[in-house]
Amino acid sequence: MRAQSGEVKGQLLDAEAQAVAFANVALYQEEKLMKVETTDDAGVFYLRAVEPGNYTLKATYLGAPDLTRQITVGIGTLDLEVLRMEPTAVELAEATVTATRALVEIKPDRTVFNVQGTINAVGENGLDLLRKAPGVTIDNNDNINVLSRSGVLVYVDGKRLPLGGADLANYLRNLTAEQIDRIDIITNPGAKYEAEGNAGILDIRLKKNENEGANGTVSTTMSQGRYNRYNLNANGNYRNRALNAFANVGYSNDNYWNRVSFNSFQGDFLIDKDINFYNTQQTPNYRFGTDFFLGKNHTLGFLVSGRYTDANDVSGEASKIFQIDGNRETPDSLLFAPSDARSDRGQNTFNLNYRFDPGKGKSLNVDLDYGRFRTDNFRNQPNAYLSPDGNTVLSEINNFFDTPTDIDIYTAKLDYEQPLAGGQFGAGVKFSQVGTKNTFLLYDLPSPNERVLNNRRSNQFDYDENVYAAYLSYGGRLNERISYTAGLRMEVTDAMGNLTPFAAELA
């Protein structure tokens, strides 16, 4: 479990007591970035969900030297009040202009967390990077929130991931930082995005090398806690005037352990629960693509990617059950409920893209996508109530679950942009078809070597969805500090779900 957390707040002013807006404020431990945020228009910043400990706080802003403070964070709020940044003294005869990529960039419609070229680009995974990203928090169950709002949608290279819960967390864990260029944090999605993305969108942009010629890298990382974790990655790229071909293959081996202890009240009983989780997973992955430059303004590309995860989850759960008004020293009974689960997750995506880019803000983009997601889950779940001394079985229910899920997604979309009346006009259409098949099989285990399908508690759920969408958008700037966007989106959804209980088939 993650420890109770604190937060850090303060206000950043310059030497003339003016607010420093949109500066980067980051916390480091031994030169490792732990969290980053930006100041608002008033120079105020908040760093939330910070674990107690000693940190180096660093504020950076173009045109001013870095401001550094050593701080200690506890549980609760640490108010640093006003921090002042000093002006930069430059001797023109010796001045050197160096362009660097800011860790966090504020744009009219999004916040950009840059990964490539920073210390974060080595040895981390996608979920670790999101913990550091501005405005993003992740709870103990790996649920992702943006600005404290749940229901966030996750995209990769502008395409939505149809995953949630543990499947999404596992996907992000197996996405290494070496593969990621940046993370776009879109807190107010425009008309271009799906209507359900109003809680926020995280768009993870993967690397694509722009250097001409042939180049490649091989990297590996390893970490050691209670158990070890490591990954291997190889990247290759070849680019000339006619094409750009790139490939990435990788393998990760991850082992996780945590312990959860808590009390809960159910009716007249107090349950003192202690659970140990151990998870191990091996994930090979690949990504291959080629862009063909068909003349000066035309590009045709294709992309194939996939990953396969073999995971095992073992938990040891022991609970002491007390009557609320009874003796708190001796439990009334014990519950022993260990779990042993195995899952195989496969993902394959295919993309065909055409882009017409004549310059001067005009572009036409066409995408055809197919995504195939397959998951097989098996879980053995015994539940035994024992006497307080643990020697007598009072009652016992043992079950085995087989819950495969198949998802197929077809998408076609067209986007067009051009300058108009001092701003940028955009329009587009999209069609998507989703087919999902979920099977829930529950088996009773009358004996250790016998499984009997429980038809009354087993079912199959098939879901088919067609979405037709079109949008218009317009945006621009009133001045250097104020920008605006407006949009209109229309969506029509045709959905059908069919739940088939197995018991009905036998009737």
Protein backbone atom coordinates (compact mmCIF):
# COMPACT_ATOMS: atom_id res chain seq x y z
CA MET A 1 0.00 0.00 0.00
CA ARG A 2 1.09 3.56 -0.61
CA ALA A 3 1.67 5.58 2.56
CA GLN A 4 -0.52 8.49 3.66
CA SER A 5 0.49 11.46 1.56
CA GLY A 6 0.93 15.17 1.92
CA GLU A 7 0.97 18.16 -0.37
CA VAL A 8 3.21 21.15 -1.02
CA LYS A 9 1.94 24.57 -1.98
CA GLY A 10 3.49 27.98 -2.52
CA GLN A 11 3.62 31.05 -4.74
CA LEU A 12 6.37 31.91 -7.19
CA LEU A 13 7.20 35.60 -7.70
CA ASP A 14 9.95 37.33 -9.65
CA ALA A 15 12.38 39.97 -8.31
CA GLU A 16 9.76 42.68 -8.89
CA ALA A 17 7.10 40.79 -6.91
CA GLN A 18 5.18 39.85 -10.08
CA ALA A 19 3.61 36.40 -10.40
CA VAL A 20 5.63 33.88 -12.42
CA ALA A 21 2.96 32.06 -14.42
CA PHE A 22 3.37 28.61 -16.04
CA ALA A 23 6.75 27.89 -14.45
CA ASN A 24 7.79 24.26 -13.80
CA VAL A 25 7.92 23.29 -10.13
CA ALA A 26 9.31 19.80 -9.47
CA LEU A 27 10.25 17.58 -6.53
CA TYR A 28 13.38 15.40 -6.73
CA GLN A 29 14.89 12.72 -4.53
CA GLU A 30 18.55 12.02 -5.29
CA GLU A 31 18.13 13.61 -8.75
CA LYS A 32 15.11 11.42 -9.53
CA LEU A 33 11.95 13.28 -10.46
CA MET A 34 9.06 12.39 -8.16
CA LYS A 35 6.38 14.94 -9.13
CA VAL A 36 6.04 18.02 -11.32
CA GLU A 37 3.38 20.72 -11.63
CA THR A 38 3.11 24.22 -13.12
CA THR A 39 2.19 27.53 -11.54
CA ASP A 40 -1.11 29.21 -12.42
CA ASP A 41 -1.70 32.81 -13.51
CA ALA A 42 -1.07 34.00 -9.96
CA GLY A 43 2.16 32.00 -9.63
CA VAL A 44 0.54 29.56 -7.19
CA PHE A 45 1.42 25.85 -7.32
CA TYR A 46 0.21 22.68 -5.60
CA LEU A 47 2.09 19.38 -5.54
CA ARG A 48 -0.39 16.76 -4.35
CA ALA A 49 -0.15 13.08 -3.40
CA VAL A 50 3.45 13.44 -2.20
CA GLU A 51 4.77 10.71 0.08
CA PRO A 52 6.43 11.95 3.29
CA GLY A 53 10.20 12.41 3.01
CA ASN A 54 13.03 14.78 2.17
CA TYR A 55 13.00 16.42 -1.26
CA THR A 56 14.73 18.98 -3.43
CA LEU A 57 12.23 21.46 -4.84
CA LYS A 58 13.30 23.07 -8.11
CA ALA A 59 11.46 25.84 -9.96
CA THR A 60 12.48 26.63 -13.54
CA TYR A 61 11.39 29.41 -15.88
CA LEU A 62 12.84 30.74 -19.11
CA GLY A 63 14.86 33.91 -18.44
CA ALA A 64 15.52 33.23 -14.76
CA PRO A 65 18.01 31.03 -12.91
CA ASP A 66 16.62 27.88 -11.30
CA LEU A 67 15.31 28.25 -7.76
CA THR A 68 16.19 25.35 -5.45
CA ARG A 69 15.02 24.56 -1.92
CA GLN A 70 15.50 21.58 0.40
CA ILE A 71 12.19 20.66 2.01
CA THR A 72 10.70 17.95 4.23
CA VAL A 73 7.16 16.79 3.47
CA GLY A 74 4.96 15.16 6.09
CA ILE A 75 1.29 14.21 6.24
CA GLY A 76 -0.82 17.29 5.58
CA THR A 77 0.00 20.53 3.78
CA LEU A 78 3.44 22.14 3.68
CA ASP A 79 2.97 25.84 2.84
CA LEU A 80 6.15 27.38 1.46
CA GLU A 81 4.38 30.73 1.10
CA VAL A 82 6.25 33.09 -1.27
CA LEU A 83 9.34 31.98 -3.22
CA ARG A 84 11.23 34.58 -5.23
CA MET A 85 13.15 33.93 -8.44
CA GLU A 86 16.16 36.11 -9.18
CA PRO A 87 16.71 37.81 -12.56
CA THR A 88 19.36 36.51 -14.93
CA ALA A 89 22.47 38.60 -15.33
CA VAL A 90 23.82 38.25 -18.90
CA GLU A 91 27.02 39.70 -20.34
CA LEU A 92 26.25 40.02 -24.04
CA ALA A 93 29.83 39.43 -25.12
CA GLU A 94 29.73 35.96 -23.64
CA ALA A 95 26.05 35.06 -24.05
CA THR A 96 25.19 31.67 -25.52
CA VAL A 97 21.65 30.74 -26.55
CA THR A 98 20.79 27.10 -25.87
CA ALA A 99 17.43 25.54 -26.78
CA THR A 100 16.20 22.95 -24.28
CA ARG A 101 12.93 21.09 -24.08
CA ALA A 102 10.88 22.15 -21.06
CA LEU A 103 9.79 19.36 -18.75
CA VAL A 104 6.21 20.66 -18.81
CA GLU A 105 4.67 22.87 -21.50
CA ILE A 106 1.34 24.68 -21.21
CA LYS A 107 -0.65 24.90 -24.45
CA PRO A 108 -4.14 26.29 -25.12
CA ASP A 109 -5.85 22.90 -25.06
CA ARG A 110 -3.46 20.69 -23.09
CA THR A 111 -0.50 20.30 -20.76
CA VAL A 112 2.47 18.44 -22.26
CA PHE A 113 4.73 16.32 -20.04
CA ASN A 114 7.92 15.71 -22.03
CA VAL A 115 9.69 12.43 -21.40
CA GLN A 116 12.23 11.95 -24.21
CA GLY A 117 15.56 13.59 -23.49
CA THR A 118 14.97 13.84 -19.73
CA ILE A 119 16.13 11.73 -16.80
CA ASN A 120 12.64 10.15 -16.80
CA ALA A 121 13.33 8.44 -20.13
CA VAL A 122 15.29 5.62 -18.47
CA GLY A 123 14.18 2.86 -16.13
CA GLU A 124 10.54 3.89 -15.65
CA ASN A 125 7.25 2.58 -16.99
CA GLY A 126 4.10 4.29 -18.18
CA LEU A 127 2.28 4.02 -14.85
CA ASP A 128 5.29 5.43 -12.95
CA LEU A 129 5.47 8.38 -15.35
CA LEU A 130 1.78 9.18 -14.88
CA ARG A 131 2.33 9.38 -11.10
CA LYS A 132 4.78 12.23 -11.78
CA ALA A 133 2.73 14.03 -14.42
CA PRO A 134 1.10 17.38 -13.59
CA GLY A 135 -2.51 17.18 -12.50
CA VAL A 136 -2.48 13.36 -12.43
CA THR A 137 -2.96 11.20 -9.34
CA ILE A 138 -3.21 7.41 -9.06
CA ASP A 139 -4.82 5.75 -6.04
CA ASN A 140 -3.92 2.50 -4.30
CA ASN A 141 -6.06 0.53 -6.76
CA ASP A 142 -4.26 2.05 -9.79
CA ASN A 143 -7.28 4.18 -10.73
CA ILE A 144 -6.15 7.24 -12.70
CA ASN A 145 -7.55 10.70 -11.92
CA VAL A 146 -6.91 14.04 -13.63
CA LEU A 147 -7.58 17.13 -11.51
CA SER A 148 -9.30 14.77 -9.03
CA ARG A 149 -11.78 13.60 -11.70
CA SER A 150 -12.23 9.90 -12.39
CA GLY A 151 -13.30 8.27 -15.64
CA VAL A 152 -10.21 9.40 -17.52
CA LEU A 153 -9.69 8.01 -21.04
CA VAL A 154 -6.24 6.82 -22.10
CA TYR A 155 -5.04 7.15 -25.69
CA VAL A 156 -1.85 5.98 -27.40
CA ASP A 157 -0.78 8.04 -30.43
CA GLY A 158 -4.24 9.60 -30.65
CA LYS A 159 -6.09 6.27 -30.52
CA ARG A 160 -8.14 5.23 -27.53
CA LEU A 161 -7.22 2.16 -25.49
CA PRO A 162 -10.36 0.07 -24.79
CA LEU A 163 -8.94 -1.07 -21.45
CA GLY A 164 -9.76 -0.28 -17.85
CA GLY A 165 -8.98 -1.33 -14.30
CA ALA A 166 -6.25 -3.93 -13.87
CA ASP A 167 -5.88 -4.46 -17.64
CA LEU A 168 -5.10 -0.78 -18.20
CA ALA A 169 -2.68 -0.67 -15.26
CA ASN A 170 -0.84 -3.74 -16.54
CA TYR A 171 -0.62 -2.29 -20.05
CA LEU A 172 0.91 0.93 -18.70
CA ARG A 173 3.37 -0.98 -16.51
CA ASN A 174 4.64 -2.82 -19.56
CA LEU A 175 5.06 0.38 -21.59
CA THR A 176 8.64 1.45 -20.92
CA ALA A 177 9.74 5.08 -20.67
CA GLU A 178 12.24 4.48 -23.47
CA GLN A 179 9.30 4.06 -25.86
CA ILE A 180 7.52 7.29 -24.82
CA ASP A 181 8.13 10.72 -26.31
CA ARG A 182 5.62 12.73 -24.29
CA ILE A 183 2.26 12.56 -22.47
CA ASP A 184 -0.47 15.04 -23.42
CA ILE A 185 -2.80 15.82 -20.50
CA ILE A 186 -6.05 17.13 -21.98
CA THR A 187 -8.26 18.36 -19.15
CA ASN A 188 -10.97 19.91 -21.35
CA PRO A 189 -11.20 17.78 -24.52
CA GLY A 190 -12.42 19.60 -27.60
CA ALA A 191 -14.99 18.55 -30.17
CA LYS A 192 -12.41 16.37 -31.92
CA TYR A 193 -12.54 13.83 -29.08
CA GLU A 194 -15.22 11.36 -28.02
CA ALA A 195 -18.05 12.82 -25.97
CA GLU A 196 -17.40 10.55 -22.98
CA GLY A 197 -13.90 11.99 -22.51
CA ASN A 198 -15.10 14.99 -20.48
CA ALA A 199 -13.31 13.77 -17.33
CA GLY A 200 -10.00 14.18 -19.14
CA ILE A 201 -7.80 12.43 -21.68
CA LEU A 202 -4.23 11.18 -21.35
CA ASP A 203 -2.65 10.78 -24.78
CA ILE A 204 0.65 8.88 -24.65
CA ARG A 205 2.78 9.72 -27.69
CA LEU A 206 5.39 7.14 -28.64
CA LYS A 207 8.76 7.91 -30.22
CA LYS A 208 9.32 8.05 -33.95
CA ASN A 209 12.87 8.87 -35.00
CA GLU A 210 13.24 11.78 -37.44
CA ASN A 211 16.98 11.44 -38.14
CA GLU A 212 18.07 10.43 -41.62
CA GLY A 213 20.17 7.32 -42.13
CA ALA A 214 20.21 4.15 -40.07
CA ASN A 215 20.41 4.16 -36.29
CA GLY A 216 19.39 2.03 -33.39
CA THR A 217 19.68 1.54 -29.64
CA VAL A 218 19.64 -1.36 -27.23
CA SER A 219 18.81 -0.75 -23.59
CA THR A 220 18.05 -2.64 -20.41
CA THR A 221 16.97 -1.63 -16.93
CA MET A 222 16.69 -3.54 -13.67
CA SER A 223 15.35 -2.72 -10.23
CA GLN A 224 15.39 -4.68 -7.00
CA GLY A 225 12.90 -4.47 -4.19
CA ARG A 226 11.52 -7.48 -2.41
CA TYR A 227 11.62 -9.01 -5.91
CA ASN A 228 13.42 -7.95 -9.07
CA ARG A 229 12.11 -6.32 -12.26
CA TYR A 230 13.85 -5.91 -15.58
CA ASN A 231 13.21 -5.10 -19.21
CA LEU A 232 15.08 -5.28 -22.50
CA ASN A 233 14.42 -2.99 -25.48
CA ALA A 234 15.85 -2.65 -28.98
CA ASN A 235 14.95 0.20 -31.34
CA GLY A 236 15.90 0.61 -34.98
CA ASN A 237 15.19 3.28 -37.57
CA TYR A 238 16.04 3.93 -41.21
CA ARG A 239 15.06 7.17 -42.93
CA ASN A 240 15.74 8.72 -46.32
CA ARG A 241 13.86 11.03 -48.68
CA ALA A 242 11.51 8.27 -49.79
CA LEU A 243 10.59 6.50 -46.56
CA ASN A 244 10.97 6.20 -42.81
CA ALA A 245 11.00 2.66 -41.39
CA PHE A 246 11.14 1.99 -37.66
CA ALA A 247 10.89 -0.95 -35.30
CA ASN A 248 10.86 -1.62 -31.59
CA VAL A 249 10.94 -4.97 -29.80
CA GLY A 250 11.06 -5.49 -26.08
CA TYR A 251 10.60 -7.89 -23.21
CA SER A 252 9.78 -7.18 -19.58
CA ASN A 253 9.73 -9.40 -16.52
CA ASP A 254 7.96 -7.83 -13.55
CA ASN A 255 7.37 -9.02 -10.01
CA TYR A 256 5.19 -7.05 -7.58
CA TRP A 257 4.36 -7.56 -3.93
CA ASN A 258 2.27 -5.61 -1.47
CA ARG A 259 0.42 -6.10 1.76
CA VAL A 260 -2.96 -4.68 2.70
CA SER A 261 -4.30 -4.59 6.26
CA PHE A 262 -7.63 -2.98 7.16
CA ASN A 263 -10.76 -3.26 9.29
CA SER A 264 -14.29 -3.20 7.93
CA PHE A 265 -17.73 -3.31 9.52
CA GLN A 266 -20.45 -5.53 8.05
CA GLY A 267 -23.70 -5.64 9.99
CA ASP A 268 -22.94 -6.73 13.55
CA PHE A 269 -19.41 -7.89 12.73
CA LEU A 270 -15.95 -6.36 12.62
CA ILE A 271 -13.62 -7.97 10.07
CA ASP A 272 -9.88 -7.59 10.61
CA LYS A 273 -8.40 -8.44 7.21
CA ASP A 274 -4.79 -9.05 6.17
CA ILE A 275 -3.92 -9.73 2.51
CA ASN A 276 -0.58 -10.39 0.81
CA PHE A 277 -0.45 -9.95 -2.98
CA TYR A 278 2.22 -11.34 -5.28
CA ASN A 279 2.09 -10.74 -9.02
CA THR A 280 4.50 -11.87 -11.72
CA GLN A 281 4.19 -11.17 -15.44
CA GLN A 282 6.26 -11.57 -18.58
CA THR A 283 5.50 -9.37 -21.58
CA PRO A 284 7.10 -9.45 -25.02
CA ASN A 285 6.06 -6.54 -27.25
CA TYR A 286 6.73 -5.21 -30.75
CA ARG A 287 6.02 -2.18 -32.92
CA PHE A 288 6.82 -1.92 -36.64
CA GLY A 289 5.96 0.82 -39.09
CA THR A 290 6.86 2.55 -42.34
CA ASP A 291 6.00 5.98 -43.73
CA PHE A 292 6.27 6.43 -47.50
CA PHE A 293 6.79 10.01 -48.69
CA LEU A 294 4.75 10.20 -51.90
CA GLY A 295 5.90 13.52 -53.23
CA LYS A 296 6.36 16.74 -51.31
CA ASN A 297 3.05 16.87 -49.44
CA HIS A 298 1.76 13.28 -49.34
CA THR A 299 2.61 10.58 -46.79
CA LEU A 300 1.26 7.01 -46.67
CA GLY A 301 2.10 4.93 -43.63
CA PHE A 302 1.26 1.71 -41.86
CA LEU A 303 1.86 0.60 -38.30
CA VAL A 304 1.60 -2.79 -36.60
CA SER A 305 2.01 -3.25 -32.86
CA GLY A 306 1.32 -5.94 -30.30
CA ARG A 307 2.06 -7.23 -26.84
CA TYR A 308 1.38 -10.47 -24.99
CA THR A 309 1.30 -10.75 -21.23
CA ASP A 310 1.44 -13.95 -19.21
CA ALA A 311 0.56 -13.03 -15.62
CA ASN A 312 0.09 -14.91 -12.36
CA ASP A 313 -1.51 -13.40 -9.27
CA VAL A 314 -1.36 -15.09 -5.89
CA SER A 315 -2.94 -13.61 -2.77
CA GLY A 316 -3.07 -14.93 0.73
CA GLU A 317 -6.09 -13.57 2.57
CA ALA A 318 -6.78 -14.22 6.26
CA SER A 319 -9.54 -12.48 8.19
CA LYS A 320 -10.51 -12.46 11.86
CA ILE A 321 -14.25 -11.95 12.44
CA PHE A 322 -15.43 -10.37 15.69
CA GLN A 323 -18.86 -9.46 16.95
CA ILE A 324 -18.92 -5.68 17.38
CA ASP A 325 -20.25 -5.90 20.95
CA GLY A 326 -18.21 -8.97 21.81
CA ASN A 327 -14.69 -9.75 22.98
CA ARG A 328 -12.06 -8.06 20.77
CA GLU A 329 -9.30 -10.41 21.96
CA THR A 330 -10.73 -13.67 20.62
CA PRO A 331 -12.40 -13.81 17.18
CA ASP A 332 -15.70 -15.60 16.65
CA SER A 333 -14.35 -17.24 13.49
CA LEU A 334 -11.62 -17.07 10.87
CA LEU A 335 -11.94 -16.72 7.09
CA PHE A 336 -9.21 -18.23 4.93
CA ALA A 337 -9.57 -17.12 1.29
CA PRO A 338 -6.36 -17.41 -0.73
CA SER A 339 -6.59 -16.79 -4.47
CA ASP A 340 -4.54 -18.14 -7.36
CA ALA A 341 -5.14 -16.50 -10.74
CA ARG A 342 -3.57 -16.69 -14.18
CA SER A 343 -4.27 -14.44 -17.13
CA ASP A 344 -3.08 -14.33 -20.74
CA ARG A 345 -3.59 -10.98 -22.44
CA GLY A 346 -2.92 -10.34 -26.12
CA GLN A 347 -3.20 -7.09 -28.05
CA ASN A 348 -2.67 -6.45 -31.77
CA THR A 349 -3.31 -3.14 -33.55
CA PHE A 350 -3.04 -2.25 -37.23
CA ASN A 351 -3.11 1.24 -38.72
CA LEU A 352 -3.14 2.59 -42.27
CA ASN A 353 -2.65 6.35 -42.52
CA TYR A 354 -2.68 8.94 -45.30
CA ARG A 355 -1.69 12.55 -44.68
CA PHE A 356 -1.76 15.53 -47.05
CA ASP A 357 0.25 18.43 -45.61
CA PRO A 358 0.75 21.34 -48.01
CA GLY A 359 1.87 23.65 -45.19
CA LYS A 360 0.55 27.05 -44.04
CA GLY A 361 -1.62 25.33 -41.42
CA LYS A 362 -3.52 23.13 -43.86
CA SER A 363 -3.71 19.35 -43.44
CA LEU A 364 -5.88 16.37 -44.31
CA ASN A 365 -5.48 13.15 -42.33
CA VAL A 366 -7.17 9.76 -42.92
CA ASP A 367 -6.81 6.82 -40.50
CA LEU A 368 -8.04 3.24 -40.81
CA ASP A 369 -7.53 1.16 -37.65
CA TYR A 370 -8.20 -2.34 -36.41
CA GLY A 371 -7.58 -3.45 -32.84
CA ARG A 372 -7.79 -6.99 -31.53
CA PHE A 373 -7.75 -7.65 -27.76
CA ARG A 374 -7.92 -11.13 -26.25
CA THR A 375 -7.88 -11.98 -22.55
CA ASP A 376 -8.11 -15.35 -20.81
CA ASN A 377 -8.56 -15.25 -17.03
CA PHE A 378 -8.56 -18.26 -14.70
CA ARG A 379 -8.93 -17.95 -10.94
CA ASN A 380 -9.15 -20.53 -8.18
CA GLN A 381 -10.99 -19.12 -5.16
CA PRO A 382 -11.40 -21.20 -1.99
CA ASN A 383 -13.34 -19.76 0.97
CA ALA A 384 -13.15 -21.58 4.30
CA TYR A 385 -14.65 -20.42 7.62
CA LEU A 386 -12.71 -21.88 10.54
CA SER A 387 -13.14 -22.04 14.28
CA PRO A 388 -11.24 -19.41 16.33
CA ASP A 389 -8.35 -21.84 16.89
CA GLY A 390 -8.17 -22.60 13.15
CA ASN A 391 -8.51 -26.37 13.65
CA THR A 392 -12.15 -26.94 12.62
CA VAL A 393 -13.77 -26.11 9.28
CA LEU A 394 -17.18 -24.55 9.97
CA SER A 395 -18.19 -24.13 6.32
CA GLU A 396 -16.45 -24.13 2.97
CA ILE A 397 -17.22 -22.87 -0.54
CA ASN A 398 -14.68 -23.42 -3.32
CA ASN A 399 -15.03 -21.95 -6.82
CA PHE A 400 -13.09 -21.76 -10.05
CA PHE A 401 -13.64 -18.92 -12.55
CA ASP A 402 -12.96 -18.94 -16.30
CA THR A 403 -13.68 -15.50 -17.78
CA PRO A 404 -12.39 -14.94 -21.34
CA THR A 405 -12.95 -11.59 -23.09
CA ASP A 406 -12.66 -10.88 -26.83
CA ILE A 407 -12.75 -7.32 -28.21
CA ASP A 408 -12.57 -6.26 -31.87
CA ILE A 409 -12.53 -2.58 -32.84
CA TYR A 410 -12.73 -1.13 -36.36
CA THR A 411 -12.29 2.61 -36.84
CA ALA A 412 -12.21 4.98 -39.82
CA LYS A 413 -11.76 8.74 -39.42
CA LEU A 414 -10.97 11.83 -41.46
CA ASP A 415 -9.68 15.14 -40.04
CA TYR A 416 -9.17 18.42 -41.89
CA GLU A 417 -7.62 21.70 -40.70
CA GLN A 418 -6.93 25.07 -42.26
CA PRO A 419 -6.44 28.72 -41.20
CA LEU A 420 -9.60 30.82 -41.25
CA ALA A 421 -10.16 34.47 -40.28
CA GLY A 422 -7.08 34.64 -38.09
CA GLY A 423 -7.76 31.34 -36.32
CA GLN A 424 -7.64 27.62 -37.05
CA PHE A 425 -10.68 25.78 -38.39
CA GLY A 426 -11.06 22.02 -38.08
CA ALA A 427 -13.62 19.45 -39.18
CA GLY A 428 -13.84 15.70 -39.21
CA VAL A 429 -15.93 12.55 -39.33
CA LYS A 430 -15.47 9.19 -37.65
CA PHE A 431 -17.03 5.75 -37.69
CA SER A 432 -16.21 3.01 -35.20
CA GLN A 433 -17.51 -0.51 -34.68
CA VAL A 434 -16.88 -2.40 -31.46
CA GLY A 435 -17.66 -6.04 -30.85
CA THR A 436 -17.18 -7.49 -27.38
CA LYS A 437 -17.73 -11.03 -26.17
CA ASN A 438 -17.53 -11.70 -22.41
CA THR A 439 -17.97 -15.21 -21.04
CA PHE A 440 -18.35 -15.81 -17.30
CA LEU A 441 -17.99 -19.45 -16.27
CA LEU A 442 -18.24 -20.36 -12.60
CA TYR A 443 -17.38 -23.88 -11.48
CA ASP A 444 -18.15 -25.46 -8.11
CA LEU A 445 -15.39 -27.65 -6.64
CA PRO A 446 -16.97 -30.45 -4.62
CA SER A 447 -13.51 -32.04 -4.40
CA PRO A 448 -9.97 -30.85 -5.24
CA ASN A 449 -9.92 -32.71 -8.56
CA GLU A 450 -13.53 -32.13 -9.65
CA ARG A 451 -15.08 -29.11 -11.37
CA VAL A 452 -18.82 -28.79 -11.97
CA LEU A 453 -20.11 -25.90 -14.09
CA ASN A 454 -22.67 -23.86 -12.17
CA ASN A 455 -25.11 -22.91 -14.92
CA ARG A 456 -27.20 -20.69 -12.65
CA ARG A 457 -24.23 -18.41 -12.01
CA SER A 458 -22.62 -18.57 -15.47
CA ASN A 459 -23.49 -16.40 -18.44
CA GLN A 460 -22.31 -14.85 -21.67
CA PHE A 461 -22.60 -11.16 -22.54
CA ASP A 462 -22.21 -10.00 -26.15
CA TYR A 463 -22.04 -6.29 -26.91
CA ASP A 464 -21.99 -4.61 -30.33
CA GLU A 465 -21.68 -0.87 -30.84
CA ASN A 466 -21.58 1.41 -33.89
CA VAL A 467 -20.69 5.08 -33.40
CA TYR A 468 -21.14 7.74 -36.08
CA ALA A 469 -19.55 11.09 -35.25
CA ALA A 470 -18.81 14.46 -36.87
CA TYR A 471 -17.33 17.64 -35.45
CA LEU A 472 -16.46 21.28 -36.19
CA SER A 473 -13.89 23.28 -34.23
CA TYR A 474 -12.37 26.73 -34.27
CA GLY A 475 -9.63 28.24 -32.14
CA GLY A 476 -7.29 31.19 -31.98
CA ARG A 477 -5.62 33.79 -29.78
CA LEU A 478 -6.91 37.14 -28.55
CA ASN A 479 -3.42 38.10 -27.32
CA GLU A 480 -0.25 36.49 -25.96
CA ARG A 481 -1.97 35.38 -22.75
CA ILE A 482 -5.52 34.57 -23.85
CA SER A 483 -6.51 31.87 -26.32
CA TYR A 484 -9.87 30.31 -27.08
CA THR A 485 -11.39 27.21 -28.65
CA ALA A 486 -14.96 26.41 -29.62
CA GLY A 487 -16.47 23.30 -31.08
CA LEU A 488 -19.56 21.35 -31.94
CA ARG A 489 -19.70 17.54 -31.96
CA MET A 490 -22.49 15.20 -32.94
CA GLU A 491 -22.50 11.50 -32.11
CA VAL A 492 -25.04 8.79 -32.85
CA THR A 493 -24.55 5.47 -31.08
CA ASP A 494 -26.25 2.26 -32.09
CA ALA A 495 -25.63 -0.33 -29.37
CA MET A 496 -26.97 -3.79 -28.60
CA GLY A 497 -26.18 -5.95 -25.59
CA ASN A 498 -27.30 -9.54 -25.16
CA LEU A 499 -26.95 -11.36 -21.83
CA THR A 500 -27.43 -15.12 -22.06
CA PRO A 501 -27.66 -16.98 -18.72
CA PHE A 502 -26.62 -20.61 -19.05
CA ALA A 503 -29.49 -21.78 -16.84
CA ALA A 504 -31.99 -20.44 -19.38
CA GLU A 505 -30.50 -22.66 -22.06
CA LEU A 506 -31.18 -25.73 -19.92
CA ALA A 507 -34.79 -24.81 -19.17
